[in-house]
């Protein structure tokens, strides 16, 4: 029995000493209680505020997500149109080069002196 008492004496108590509790102001349960109606109002208001924030962020996120999807789709369409225009440009340049070659061939043919027709 004595060893236990000695062991307990060497440990520090987690509770305040009677001297410290005498200096501390005494609180009654009345001091710490809030009206249930006030707590309900406070917690409901708090919940409604964070729910409102969450819904606003959710709507904003959806709006931005849709905008990104639209811009991506639009950019893809414009890229395809640019590629088609570039292909058409290459085909038209080849056609122009071909026609210029024909024109040069015809003009060089006209510039040659005509041979007299045999009599």
N, C-alpha and C. Protein backbone atom coordinates (compact mmCIF):
# COMPACT_ATOMS: atom_id res chain seq x y z
N UNK A 1 0.80 -1.18 0.00
CA UNK A 1 0.00 0.00 0.00
C UNK A 1 0.86 1.27 0.00
N UNK A 2 1.92 1.24 0.71
CA UNK A 2 2.78 2.40 0.77
C UNK A 2 3.46 2.72 -0.55
N UNK A 3 3.91 1.67 -1.31
CA UNK A 3 4.57 2.01 -2.57
C UNK A 3 3.64 2.76 -3.52
N UNK A 4 2.39 2.42 -3.51
CA UNK A 4 1.45 3.13 -4.38
C UNK A 4 1.30 4.58 -3.95
N UNK A 5 1.26 4.80 -2.71
CA UNK A 5 1.11 6.17 -2.22
C UNK A 5 2.34 6.99 -2.60
N UNK A 6 3.48 6.41 -2.49
CA UNK A 6 4.70 7.13 -2.85
C UNK A 6 4.70 7.43 -4.35
N UNK A 7 4.26 6.47 -5.12
CA UNK A 7 4.21 6.65 -6.57
C UNK A 7 3.24 7.77 -6.91
N UNK A 8 2.13 7.84 -6.27
CA UNK A 8 1.16 8.89 -6.53
C UNK A 8 1.69 10.24 -6.08
N UNK A 9 2.46 10.26 -5.03
CA UNK A 9 2.98 11.53 -4.55
C UNK A 9 4.01 12.11 -5.50
N UNK A 10 4.77 11.28 -6.17
CA UNK A 10 5.81 11.77 -7.06
C UNK A 10 5.24 12.26 -8.39
N UNK A 11 4.08 11.84 -8.73
CA UNK A 11 3.47 12.29 -9.98
C UNK A 11 2.90 13.69 -9.81
N UNK A 12 2.82 14.38 -10.97
CA UNK A 12 2.20 15.70 -10.93
C UNK A 12 0.72 15.55 -11.16
N UNK A 13 -0.04 16.30 -10.43
CA UNK A 13 -1.49 16.26 -10.61
C UNK A 13 -1.87 17.12 -11.80
N UNK A 14 -2.81 16.65 -12.57
CA UNK A 14 -3.30 17.40 -13.72
C UNK A 14 -4.34 18.42 -13.31
N UNK A 15 -4.84 18.29 -12.14
CA UNK A 15 -5.87 19.22 -11.67
C UNK A 15 -5.22 20.41 -10.99
N UNK A 16 -5.96 21.49 -10.91
CA UNK A 16 -5.45 22.68 -10.25
C UNK A 16 -5.49 22.49 -8.75
N UNK A 17 -4.58 23.13 -8.12
CA UNK A 17 -4.58 23.05 -6.66
C UNK A 17 -5.75 23.85 -6.10
N UNK A 18 -6.05 23.63 -4.87
CA UNK A 18 -7.17 24.34 -4.26
C UNK A 18 -6.89 25.82 -4.18
N UNK A 19 -5.61 26.20 -4.10
CA UNK A 19 -5.23 27.60 -4.05
C UNK A 19 -5.53 28.28 -5.38
N UNK A 20 -5.20 27.61 -6.49
CA UNK A 20 -5.43 28.16 -7.83
C UNK A 20 -6.93 28.25 -8.13
N UNK A 21 -7.67 27.29 -7.68
CA UNK A 21 -9.11 27.35 -7.93
C UNK A 21 -9.78 28.42 -7.11
N UNK A 22 -9.21 28.76 -5.98
CA UNK A 22 -9.78 29.81 -5.14
C UNK A 22 -9.60 31.16 -5.81
N UNK A 23 -8.49 31.35 -6.53
CA UNK A 23 -8.22 32.63 -7.21
C UNK A 23 -9.04 32.78 -8.48
N UNK A 24 -9.34 31.68 -9.16
CA UNK A 24 -10.08 31.73 -10.43
C UNK A 24 -11.53 32.10 -10.17
N UNK A 25 -12.11 32.92 -11.08
CA UNK A 25 -13.53 33.25 -10.89
C UNK A 25 -14.38 32.00 -11.08
N UNK A 26 -15.36 31.90 -10.25
CA UNK A 26 -16.22 30.72 -10.32
C UNK A 26 -17.24 30.91 -11.42
N UNK A 27 -17.35 29.89 -12.24
CA UNK A 27 -18.33 29.92 -13.33
C UNK A 27 -19.47 29.01 -12.95
N UNK A 28 -20.61 29.48 -13.24
CA UNK A 28 -21.77 28.63 -13.03
C UNK A 28 -22.25 28.15 -14.39
N UNK A 29 -23.09 27.18 -14.38
CA UNK A 29 -23.59 26.66 -15.65
C UNK A 29 -24.47 27.70 -16.34
N UNK A 30 -25.02 28.63 -15.59
CA UNK A 30 -25.85 29.67 -16.20
C UNK A 30 -25.00 30.60 -17.06
N UNK A 31 -23.76 30.85 -16.67
CA UNK A 31 -22.89 31.76 -17.41
C UNK A 31 -22.53 31.21 -18.79
N UNK A 32 -22.45 29.90 -18.94
CA UNK A 32 -21.97 29.28 -20.18
C UNK A 32 -23.09 28.81 -21.08
N UNK A 33 -24.29 28.96 -20.71
CA UNK A 33 -25.37 28.44 -21.53
C UNK A 33 -25.93 29.51 -22.45
N UNK A 34 -26.22 29.11 -23.67
CA UNK A 34 -26.88 29.99 -24.63
C UNK A 34 -28.27 29.45 -24.88
N UNK A 35 -29.10 30.36 -25.30
CA UNK A 35 -30.47 29.92 -25.62
C UNK A 35 -30.42 28.99 -26.82
N UNK A 36 -31.18 27.91 -26.78
CA UNK A 36 -31.19 27.01 -27.95
C UNK A 36 -31.62 27.72 -29.22
N UNK A 37 -32.56 28.64 -29.10
CA UNK A 37 -33.00 29.39 -30.29
C UNK A 37 -31.88 30.21 -30.90
N UNK A 38 -31.04 30.80 -30.04
CA UNK A 38 -29.92 31.59 -30.53
C UNK A 38 -28.89 30.69 -31.22
N UNK A 39 -28.63 29.54 -30.63
CA UNK A 39 -27.69 28.60 -31.25
C UNK A 39 -28.22 28.09 -32.58
N UNK A 40 -29.50 27.77 -32.61
CA UNK A 40 -30.11 27.29 -33.86
C UNK A 40 -29.99 28.35 -34.93
N UNK A 41 -30.30 29.60 -34.56
CA UNK A 41 -30.20 30.70 -35.52
C UNK A 41 -28.77 30.84 -36.01
N UNK A 42 -27.80 30.81 -35.10
CA UNK A 42 -26.39 30.98 -35.48
C UNK A 42 -25.92 29.86 -36.40
N UNK A 43 -26.21 28.63 -36.04
CA UNK A 43 -25.75 27.50 -36.85
C UNK A 43 -26.45 27.46 -38.20
N UNK A 44 -27.73 27.80 -38.23
CA UNK A 44 -28.46 27.84 -39.50
C UNK A 44 -27.89 28.92 -40.41
N UNK A 45 -27.62 30.10 -39.83
CA UNK A 45 -27.04 31.19 -40.61
C UNK A 45 -25.67 30.79 -41.15
N UNK A 46 -24.85 30.17 -40.31
CA UNK A 46 -23.53 29.73 -40.73
C UNK A 46 -23.63 28.71 -41.86
N UNK A 47 -24.53 27.74 -41.69
CA UNK A 47 -24.72 26.71 -42.73
C UNK A 47 -25.19 27.33 -44.03
N UNK A 48 -26.15 28.25 -43.94
CA UNK A 48 -26.68 28.88 -45.15
C UNK A 48 -25.60 29.68 -45.88
N UNK A 49 -24.72 30.33 -45.11
CA UNK A 49 -23.65 31.10 -45.74
C UNK A 49 -22.68 30.21 -46.49
N UNK A 50 -22.23 29.13 -45.86
CA UNK A 50 -21.28 28.28 -46.59
C UNK A 50 -21.94 27.52 -47.72
N UNK A 51 -23.22 27.20 -47.55
CA UNK A 51 -23.93 26.55 -48.68
C UNK A 51 -24.06 27.51 -49.85
N UNK A 52 -24.36 28.77 -49.53
CA UNK A 52 -24.46 29.78 -50.59
C UNK A 52 -23.15 29.97 -51.31
N UNK A 53 -22.06 30.03 -50.54
CA UNK A 53 -20.74 30.16 -51.16
C UNK A 53 -20.44 28.96 -52.05
N UNK A 54 -20.75 27.78 -51.54
CA UNK A 54 -20.49 26.57 -52.32
C UNK A 54 -21.31 26.55 -53.60
N UNK A 55 -22.58 26.93 -53.52
CA UNK A 55 -23.42 26.93 -54.72
C UNK A 55 -22.93 27.96 -55.72
N UNK A 56 -22.49 29.14 -55.23
CA UNK A 56 -21.97 30.16 -56.14
C UNK A 56 -20.70 29.67 -56.83
N UNK A 57 -19.82 29.04 -56.06
CA UNK A 57 -18.59 28.51 -56.66
C UNK A 57 -18.89 27.39 -57.65
N UNK A 58 -19.86 26.57 -57.31
CA UNK A 58 -20.24 25.47 -58.20
C UNK A 58 -20.79 26.01 -59.52
N UNK A 59 -21.63 27.05 -59.44
CA UNK A 59 -22.19 27.65 -60.65
C UNK A 59 -21.08 28.31 -61.47
N UNK A 60 -20.17 29.01 -60.79
CA UNK A 60 -19.06 29.66 -61.48
C UNK A 60 -18.17 28.62 -62.16
N UNK A 61 -17.91 27.53 -61.47
CA UNK A 61 -17.08 26.45 -62.04
C UNK A 61 -17.75 25.87 -63.28
N UNK A 62 -19.06 25.64 -63.21
CA UNK A 62 -19.77 25.07 -64.35
C UNK A 62 -19.74 26.04 -65.53
N UNK A 63 -19.92 27.34 -65.23
CA UNK A 63 -19.89 28.35 -66.27
C UNK A 63 -18.53 28.38 -66.97
N UNK A 64 -17.47 28.38 -66.17
CA UNK A 64 -16.13 28.41 -66.74
C UNK A 64 -15.82 27.12 -67.51
N UNK A 65 -16.28 26.00 -66.99
CA UNK A 65 -16.07 24.72 -67.67
C UNK A 65 -16.75 24.72 -69.04
N UNK A 66 -17.98 25.24 -69.10
CA UNK A 66 -18.70 25.31 -70.38
C UNK A 66 -18.00 26.28 -71.33
N UNK A 67 -17.49 27.39 -70.79
CA UNK A 67 -16.80 28.36 -71.64
C UNK A 67 -15.53 27.74 -72.24
N UNK A 68 -14.80 27.01 -71.43
CA UNK A 68 -13.59 26.34 -71.93
C UNK A 68 -13.95 25.33 -73.01
N UNK A 69 -15.03 24.58 -72.79
CA UNK A 69 -15.45 23.59 -73.80
C UNK A 69 -15.83 24.29 -75.11
N UNK A 70 -16.58 25.41 -75.00
CA UNK A 70 -16.97 26.16 -76.20
C UNK A 70 -15.75 26.72 -76.93
N UNK A 71 -14.82 27.29 -76.18
CA UNK A 71 -13.63 27.87 -76.81
C UNK A 71 -12.77 26.78 -77.45
N UNK A 72 -12.68 25.64 -76.81
CA UNK A 72 -11.91 24.54 -77.38
C UNK A 72 -12.53 24.06 -78.69
N UNK A 73 -13.85 23.94 -78.68
CA UNK A 73 -14.56 23.51 -79.89
C UNK A 73 -14.39 24.55 -81.00
N UNK A 74 -14.54 25.83 -80.65
CA UNK A 74 -14.40 26.90 -81.64
C UNK A 74 -12.98 26.93 -82.21
N UNK A 75 -11.99 26.80 -81.31
CA UNK A 75 -10.61 26.81 -81.77
C UNK A 75 -10.33 25.65 -82.72
N UNK A 76 -10.89 24.49 -82.43
CA UNK A 76 -10.71 23.31 -83.30
C UNK A 76 -11.33 23.56 -84.68
N UNK A 77 -12.53 24.18 -84.69
CA UNK A 77 -13.17 24.48 -85.97
C UNK A 77 -12.35 25.47 -86.78
N UNK A 78 -11.83 26.52 -86.10
CA UNK A 78 -11.02 27.50 -86.82
C UNK A 78 -9.72 26.88 -87.33
N UNK A 79 -9.15 25.97 -86.56
CA UNK A 79 -7.92 25.29 -87.00
C UNK A 79 -8.19 24.47 -88.25
N UNK A 80 -9.33 23.75 -88.26
CA UNK A 80 -9.68 22.95 -89.45
C UNK A 80 -9.91 23.85 -90.66
N UNK A 81 -10.59 24.99 -90.45
CA UNK A 81 -10.81 25.93 -91.57
C UNK A 81 -9.49 26.47 -92.08
N UNK A 82 -8.57 26.79 -91.19
CA UNK A 82 -7.27 27.31 -91.60
C UNK A 82 -6.49 26.26 -92.38
N UNK A 83 -6.55 25.01 -91.93
CA UNK A 83 -5.86 23.94 -92.66
C UNK A 83 -6.45 23.75 -94.05
N UNK A 84 -7.79 23.80 -94.15
CA UNK A 84 -8.44 23.66 -95.46
C UNK A 84 -8.06 24.83 -96.37
N UNK A 85 -8.04 26.05 -95.79
CA UNK A 85 -7.67 27.22 -96.59
C UNK A 85 -6.21 27.10 -97.05
N UNK A 86 -5.36 26.59 -96.19
CA UNK A 86 -3.95 26.41 -96.55
C UNK A 86 -3.81 25.38 -97.66
N UNK A 87 -4.59 24.29 -97.59
CA UNK A 87 -4.56 23.29 -98.65
C UNK A 87 -5.04 23.89 -99.98
N UNK A 88 -6.13 24.68 -99.91
CA UNK A 88 -6.65 25.32 -101.12
C UNK A 88 -5.61 26.28 -101.69
N UNK A 89 -4.95 27.01 -100.80
CA UNK A 89 -3.93 27.95 -101.25
C UNK A 89 -2.81 27.21 -101.99
N UNK A 90 -2.37 26.09 -101.46
CA UNK A 90 -1.32 25.29 -102.12
C UNK A 90 -1.78 24.80 -103.48
N UNK A 91 -3.06 24.35 -103.56
CA UNK A 91 -3.58 23.86 -104.84
C UNK A 91 -3.68 25.00 -105.85
N UNK A 92 -4.14 26.17 -105.40
CA UNK A 92 -4.28 27.31 -106.31
C UNK A 92 -2.91 27.82 -106.77
N UNK A 93 -1.92 27.80 -105.88
CA UNK A 93 -0.57 28.22 -106.28
C UNK A 93 -0.02 27.28 -107.35
N UNK A 94 -0.27 25.98 -107.18
CA UNK A 94 0.19 25.01 -108.18
C UNK A 94 -0.51 25.27 -109.51
N UNK A 95 -1.80 25.58 -109.45
CA UNK A 95 -2.57 25.86 -110.66
C UNK A 95 -2.05 27.13 -111.35
N UNK A 96 -1.76 28.15 -110.54
CA UNK A 96 -1.24 29.41 -111.10
C UNK A 96 0.12 29.16 -111.76
N UNK A 97 0.97 28.41 -111.08
CA UNK A 97 2.29 28.10 -111.67
C UNK A 97 2.14 27.35 -112.99
N UNK A 98 1.21 26.42 -113.04
CA UNK A 98 0.97 25.65 -114.26
C UNK A 98 0.49 26.57 -115.38
N UNK A 99 -0.46 27.46 -115.04
CA UNK A 99 -0.97 28.39 -116.05
C UNK A 99 0.11 29.37 -116.51
N UNK A 100 0.96 29.82 -115.60
CA UNK A 100 2.04 30.74 -115.98
C UNK A 100 3.03 30.04 -116.92
N UNK A 101 3.25 28.78 -116.66
CA UNK A 101 4.15 28.02 -117.54
C UNK A 101 3.54 27.92 -118.93
N UNK A 102 2.23 27.69 -119.00
CA UNK A 102 1.57 27.62 -120.31
C UNK A 102 1.63 28.96 -121.02
N UNK A 103 1.39 30.03 -120.27
CA UNK A 103 1.44 31.36 -120.87
C UNK A 103 2.84 31.65 -121.40
N UNK A 104 3.85 31.32 -120.64
CA UNK A 104 5.23 31.53 -121.09
C UNK A 104 5.53 30.71 -122.34
N UNK A 105 5.01 29.50 -122.35
CA UNK A 105 5.24 28.65 -123.52
C UNK A 105 4.57 29.26 -124.74
N UNK A 106 3.37 29.77 -124.58
CA UNK A 106 2.66 30.39 -125.71
C UNK A 106 3.34 31.68 -126.14
N UNK A 107 3.78 32.48 -125.21
CA UNK A 107 4.43 33.75 -125.58
C UNK A 107 5.78 33.49 -126.23
N UNK A 108 6.50 32.48 -125.77
CA UNK A 108 7.78 32.17 -126.41
C UNK A 108 7.54 31.62 -127.82
N UNK A 109 6.45 30.94 -128.03
CA UNK A 109 6.12 30.41 -129.35
C UNK A 109 5.79 31.55 -130.31
N UNK A 110 5.10 32.56 -129.82
CA UNK A 110 4.74 33.70 -130.66
C UNK A 110 5.96 34.54 -130.98
N UNK A 111 6.93 34.60 -130.10
CA UNK A 111 8.11 35.43 -130.31
C UNK A 111 9.05 34.81 -131.34
N UNK A 112 9.00 33.53 -131.54
CA UNK A 112 9.86 32.90 -132.53
C UNK A 112 9.48 33.42 -133.92
N UNK A 113 10.47 33.63 -134.69
CA UNK A 113 10.13 34.07 -136.06
C UNK A 113 9.41 32.96 -136.81
N UNK A 114 8.44 33.39 -137.50
CA UNK A 114 7.68 32.40 -138.28
C UNK A 114 8.52 31.95 -139.46
N UNK A 115 8.40 30.70 -139.71
CA UNK A 115 9.09 30.16 -140.89
C UNK A 115 8.20 30.39 -142.09
N UNK A 116 8.80 30.79 -143.15
CA UNK A 116 7.97 31.03 -144.33
C UNK A 116 7.38 29.71 -144.84
N UNK A 117 6.23 29.83 -145.30
CA UNK A 117 5.55 28.65 -145.82
C UNK A 117 6.18 28.24 -147.13
N UNK A 118 6.35 26.98 -147.33
CA UNK A 118 6.96 26.52 -148.59
C UNK A 118 6.03 26.84 -149.77
N UNK A 119 6.64 27.30 -150.87
CA UNK A 119 5.87 27.65 -152.04
C UNK A 119 5.91 26.63 -153.05
